[in-house]
Amino acid sequence: QVHLMESGGGSVQAGGSLRLSCQASTDIFRNYCVAWFRQLPDQEREGIAAVDTSGDISYRDSVKGRFTISKDTSKNTLDLQMDSLKPEDTAMYYCAAARGGYAARLVTTVRMNHYFSVWGQGTQVTVSS
């Protein structure tokens, strides 16, 4: 069974940067669509960046140009570099994996939470103004 563990959250001032990392217990990139989700208070989790099994990458419009998702297949890690952070980026961030050929574009444009069966425990990101 695949396990995911996030690290790298914290507090930063607006305009700053953070890098989140997700460690997978095994090689997942060949058979899983992997993504970063975030959950704002009183809202559902939304996919913000995803990499599918074809290697295609997609970003939600709200983070496009500021966040960069990357994978390291040798280390089984999925990172999220977050630059130019804004107070509205404050949320709990989760790494997740869905077995199958789900398109990265769908993950960041429609509600795909229920297709993702593997979740990390989450890491808090707080951006102050």
C-alpha atoms as a PDB file:
ATOM      1  CA  GLN A   1       0.000   0.000   0.000  1.00  0.00           C
ATOM      2  CA  VAL A   2       1.199   3.469  -0.880  1.00  0.00           C
ATOM      3  CA  HIS A   3       1.796   5.979   1.885  1.00  0.00           C
ATOM      4  CA  LEU A   4       2.452   9.672   1.498  1.00  0.00           C
ATOM      5  CA  MET A   5       4.015  12.120   3.924  1.00  0.00           C
ATOM      6  CA  GLU A   6       4.256  15.874   3.458  1.00  0.00           C
ATOM      7  CA  SER A   7       6.820  18.234   4.914  1.00  0.00           C
ATOM      8  CA  GLY A   8       7.881  21.834   4.508  1.00  0.00           C
ATOM      9  CA  GLY A   9       4.894  23.837   5.644  1.00  0.00           C
ATOM     10  CA  GLY A  10       5.182  26.849   7.899  1.00  0.00           C
ATOM     11  CA  SER A  11       4.601  30.562   8.241  1.00  0.00           C
ATOM     12  CA  VAL A  12       5.837  33.211   5.855  1.00  0.00           C
ATOM     13  CA  GLN A  13       5.109  36.816   5.009  1.00  0.00           C
ATOM     14  CA  ALA A  14       3.325  37.783   1.828  1.00  0.00           C
ATOM     15  CA  GLY A  15       5.674  37.700  -1.129  1.00  0.00           C
ATOM     16  CA  GLY A  16       7.780  34.981   0.402  1.00  0.00           C
ATOM     17  CA  SER A  17       8.388  31.403  -0.661  1.00  0.00           C
ATOM     18  CA  LEU A  18       7.971  27.917   0.726  1.00  0.00           C
ATOM     19  CA  ARG A  19       8.770  24.502  -0.656  1.00  0.00           C
ATOM     20  CA  LEU A  20       6.601  21.528   0.195  1.00  0.00           C
ATOM     21  CA  SER A  21       7.786  17.983  -0.274  1.00  0.00           C
ATOM     22  CA  CYS A  22       5.835  14.740  -0.430  1.00  0.00           C
ATOM     23  CA  GLN A  23       7.615  11.465   0.180  1.00  0.00           C
ATOM     24  CA  ALA A  24       5.961   8.381  -1.272  1.00  0.00           C
ATOM     25  CA  SER A  25       6.634   4.955   0.197  1.00  0.00           C
ATOM     26  CA  THR A  26       7.092   3.460  -3.248  1.00  0.00           C
ATOM     27  CA  ASP A  27       7.351   4.318  -6.926  1.00  0.00           C
ATOM     28  CA  ILE A  28       3.972   5.838  -7.762  1.00  0.00           C
ATOM     29  CA  PHE A  29       4.518   8.018 -10.792  1.00  0.00           C
ATOM     30  CA  ARG A  30       4.110   5.258 -13.362  1.00  0.00           C
ATOM     31  CA  ASN A  31       0.649   4.203 -12.237  1.00  0.00           C
ATOM     32  CA  TYR A  32      -0.721   7.134 -10.263  1.00  0.00           C
ATOM     33  CA  CYS A  33      -1.808  10.630 -10.991  1.00  0.00           C
ATOM     34  CA  VAL A  34      -0.273  12.677  -8.181  1.00  0.00           C
ATOM     35  CA  ALA A  35      -1.321  16.088  -7.019  1.00  0.00           C
ATOM     36  CA  TRP A  36      -1.206  18.780  -4.408  1.00  0.00           C
ATOM     37  CA  PHE A  37      -4.523  19.829  -2.910  1.00  0.00           C
ATOM     38  CA  ARG A  38      -5.299  22.544  -0.413  1.00  0.00           C
ATOM     39  CA  GLN A  39      -8.158  23.090   1.926  1.00  0.00           C
ATOM     40  CA  LEU A  40      -9.171  26.519   3.127  1.00  0.00           C
ATOM     41  CA  PRO A  41     -11.249  26.837   6.307  1.00  0.00           C
ATOM     42  CA  ASP A  42     -14.852  25.729   5.737  1.00  0.00           C
ATOM     43  CA  GLN A  43     -14.137  24.776   2.125  1.00  0.00           C
ATOM     44  CA  GLU A  44     -13.580  21.516   0.283  1.00  0.00           C
ATOM     45  CA  ARG A  45     -10.171  20.432  -0.854  1.00  0.00           C
ATOM     46  CA  GLU A  46      -9.216  21.636  -4.297  1.00  0.00           C
ATOM     47  CA  GLY A  47      -6.521  20.370  -6.587  1.00  0.00           C
ATOM     48  CA  ILE A  48      -3.977  23.084  -7.290  1.00  0.00           C
ATOM     49  CA  ALA A  49      -1.191  21.260  -9.099  1.00  0.00           C
ATOM     50  CA  ALA A  50      -1.035  17.813 -10.646  1.00  0.00           C
ATOM     51  CA  VAL A  51       1.171  15.472 -12.652  1.00  0.00           C
ATOM     52  CA  ASP A  52      -0.489  12.602 -14.479  1.00  0.00           C
ATOM     53  CA  THR A  53       0.929   9.299 -15.685  1.00  0.00           C
ATOM     54  CA  SER A  54       1.785  10.846 -19.051  1.00  0.00           C
ATOM     55  CA  GLY A  55       3.885  13.470 -17.329  1.00  0.00           C
ATOM     56  CA  ASP A  56       1.486  16.267 -18.142  1.00  0.00           C
ATOM     57  CA  ILE A  57       1.320  19.047 -15.577  1.00  0.00           C
ATOM     58  CA  SER A  58      -1.539  21.343 -14.756  1.00  0.00           C
ATOM     59  CA  TYR A  59      -2.136  24.187 -12.312  1.00  0.00           C
ATOM     60  CA  ARG A  60      -5.237  25.826 -10.954  1.00  0.00           C
ATOM     61  CA  ASP A  61      -5.548  29.375 -12.248  1.00  0.00           C
ATOM     62  CA  SER A  62      -5.170  30.841  -8.757  1.00  0.00           C
ATOM     63  CA  VAL A  63      -1.600  29.509  -8.447  1.00  0.00           C
ATOM     64  CA  LYS A  64      -0.480  29.474 -12.070  1.00  0.00           C
ATOM     65  CA  GLY A  65       2.796  31.321 -12.545  1.00  0.00           C
ATOM     66  CA  ARG A  66       3.570  31.262  -8.816  1.00  0.00           C
ATOM     67  CA  PHE A  67       3.667  27.552  -7.925  1.00  0.00           C
ATOM     68  CA  THR A  68       5.764  24.827  -9.546  1.00  0.00           C
ATOM     69  CA  ILE A  69       5.203  21.110  -9.141  1.00  0.00           C
ATOM     70  CA  SER A  70       8.050  18.694  -9.741  1.00  0.00           C
ATOM     71  CA  LYS A  71       8.727  15.036  -9.244  1.00  0.00           C
ATOM     72  CA  ASP A  72      11.901  13.099  -8.588  1.00  0.00           C
ATOM     73  CA  THR A  73      11.392   9.531  -9.688  1.00  0.00           C
ATOM     74  CA  SER A  74      14.676   8.383  -8.163  1.00  0.00           C
ATOM     75  CA  LYS A  75      13.586   9.546  -4.715  1.00  0.00           C
ATOM     76  CA  ASN A  76       9.817   9.024  -5.086  1.00  0.00           C
ATOM     77  CA  THR A  77       9.181  12.628  -4.088  1.00  0.00           C
ATOM     78  CA  LEU A  78       6.740  15.227  -5.309  1.00  0.00           C
ATOM     79  CA  ASP A  79       7.600  18.834  -4.510  1.00  0.00           C
ATOM     80  CA  LEU A  80       5.638  22.061  -4.683  1.00  0.00           C
ATOM     81  CA  GLN A  81       7.646  25.264  -4.906  1.00  0.00           C
ATOM     82  CA  MET A  82       5.463  28.173  -3.860  1.00  0.00           C
ATOM     83  CA  ASP A  83       6.643  31.685  -4.684  1.00  0.00           C
ATOM     84  CA  SER A  84       5.019  35.100  -4.363  1.00  0.00           C
ATOM     85  CA  LEU A  85       2.784  33.762  -1.639  1.00  0.00           C
ATOM     86  CA  LYS A  86      -0.386  35.641  -0.745  1.00  0.00           C
ATOM     87  CA  PRO A  87      -2.478  35.630   2.429  1.00  0.00           C
ATOM     88  CA  GLU A  88      -5.213  33.823   0.487  1.00  0.00           C
ATOM     89  CA  ASP A  89      -2.804  30.897   0.019  1.00  0.00           C
ATOM     90  CA  THR A  90      -3.159  30.169   3.731  1.00  0.00           C
ATOM     91  CA  ALA A  91      -4.506  26.625   3.941  1.00  0.00           C
ATOM     92  CA  MET A  92      -3.760  23.030   4.812  1.00  0.00           C
ATOM     93  CA  TYR A  93      -1.883  21.450   1.935  1.00  0.00           C
ATOM     94  CA  TYR A  94      -2.148  17.775   1.062  1.00  0.00           C
ATOM     95  CA  CYS A  95      -0.295  15.460  -1.252  1.00  0.00           C
ATOM     96  CA  ALA A  96      -2.507  12.816  -2.884  1.00  0.00           C
ATOM     97  CA  ALA A  97      -2.387  10.002  -5.407  1.00  0.00           C
ATOM     98  CA  ALA A  98      -5.026   8.441  -7.644  1.00  0.00           C
ATOM     99  CA  ARG A  99      -4.333   5.155  -9.363  1.00  0.00           C
ATOM    100  CA  GLY A 100      -5.117   5.399 -13.056  1.00  0.00           C
ATOM    101  CA  GLY A 101      -4.806   7.667 -16.057  1.00  0.00           C
ATOM    102  CA  TYR A 102      -6.655  10.719 -14.793  1.00  0.00           C
ATOM    103  CA  ALA A 103      -5.635  13.828 -16.651  1.00  0.00           C
ATOM    104  CA  ALA A 104      -3.794  16.457 -14.668  1.00  0.00           C
ATOM    105  CA  ARG A 105      -5.975  19.143 -16.264  1.00  0.00           C
ATOM    106  CA  LEU A 106      -9.099  17.614 -14.740  1.00  0.00           C
ATOM    107  CA  VAL A 107      -7.583  17.539 -11.271  1.00  0.00           C
ATOM    108  CA  THR A 108      -7.050  21.294 -11.328  1.00  0.00           C
ATOM    109  CA  THR A 109     -10.315  22.297 -12.967  1.00  0.00           C
ATOM    110  CA  VAL A 110     -13.077  20.042 -11.599  1.00  0.00           C
ATOM    111  CA  ARG A 111     -13.771  18.322  -8.288  1.00  0.00           C
ATOM    112  CA  MET A 112     -11.697  15.152  -8.326  1.00  0.00           C
ATOM    113  CA  ASN A 113     -11.184  14.563  -4.601  1.00  0.00           C
ATOM    114  CA  HIS A 114     -13.138  11.310  -4.537  1.00  0.00           C
ATOM    115  CA  TYR A 115     -10.879   9.729  -7.165  1.00  0.00           C
ATOM    116  CA  PHE A 116      -7.849  10.101  -4.905  1.00  0.00           C
ATOM    117  CA  SER A 117      -7.540   7.174  -2.536  1.00  0.00           C
ATOM    118  CA  VAL A 118      -4.147   7.943  -1.002  1.00  0.00           C
ATOM    119  CA  TRP A 119      -3.606  11.078   1.088  1.00  0.00           C
ATOM    120  CA  GLY A 120      -0.868  12.464   3.243  1.00  0.00           C
ATOM    121  CA  GLN A 121      -1.582  13.889   6.674  1.00  0.00           C
ATOM    122  CA  GLY A 122      -1.334  17.467   5.466  1.00  0.00           C
ATOM    123  CA  THR A 123       0.929  20.388   6.249  1.00  0.00           C
ATOM    124  CA  GLN A 124      -0.171  23.893   7.244  1.00  0.00           C
ATOM    125  CA  VAL A 125       0.885  26.938   5.265  1.00  0.00           C
ATOM    126  CA  THR A 126       0.208  30.360   6.768  1.00  0.00           C
ATOM    127  CA  VAL A 127       0.901  33.568   4.873  1.00  0.00           C
ATOM    128  CA  SER A 128       0.694  36.829   6.779  1.00  0.00           C
ATOM    129  CA  SER A 129       0.155  40.238   5.230  1.00  0.00           C
END
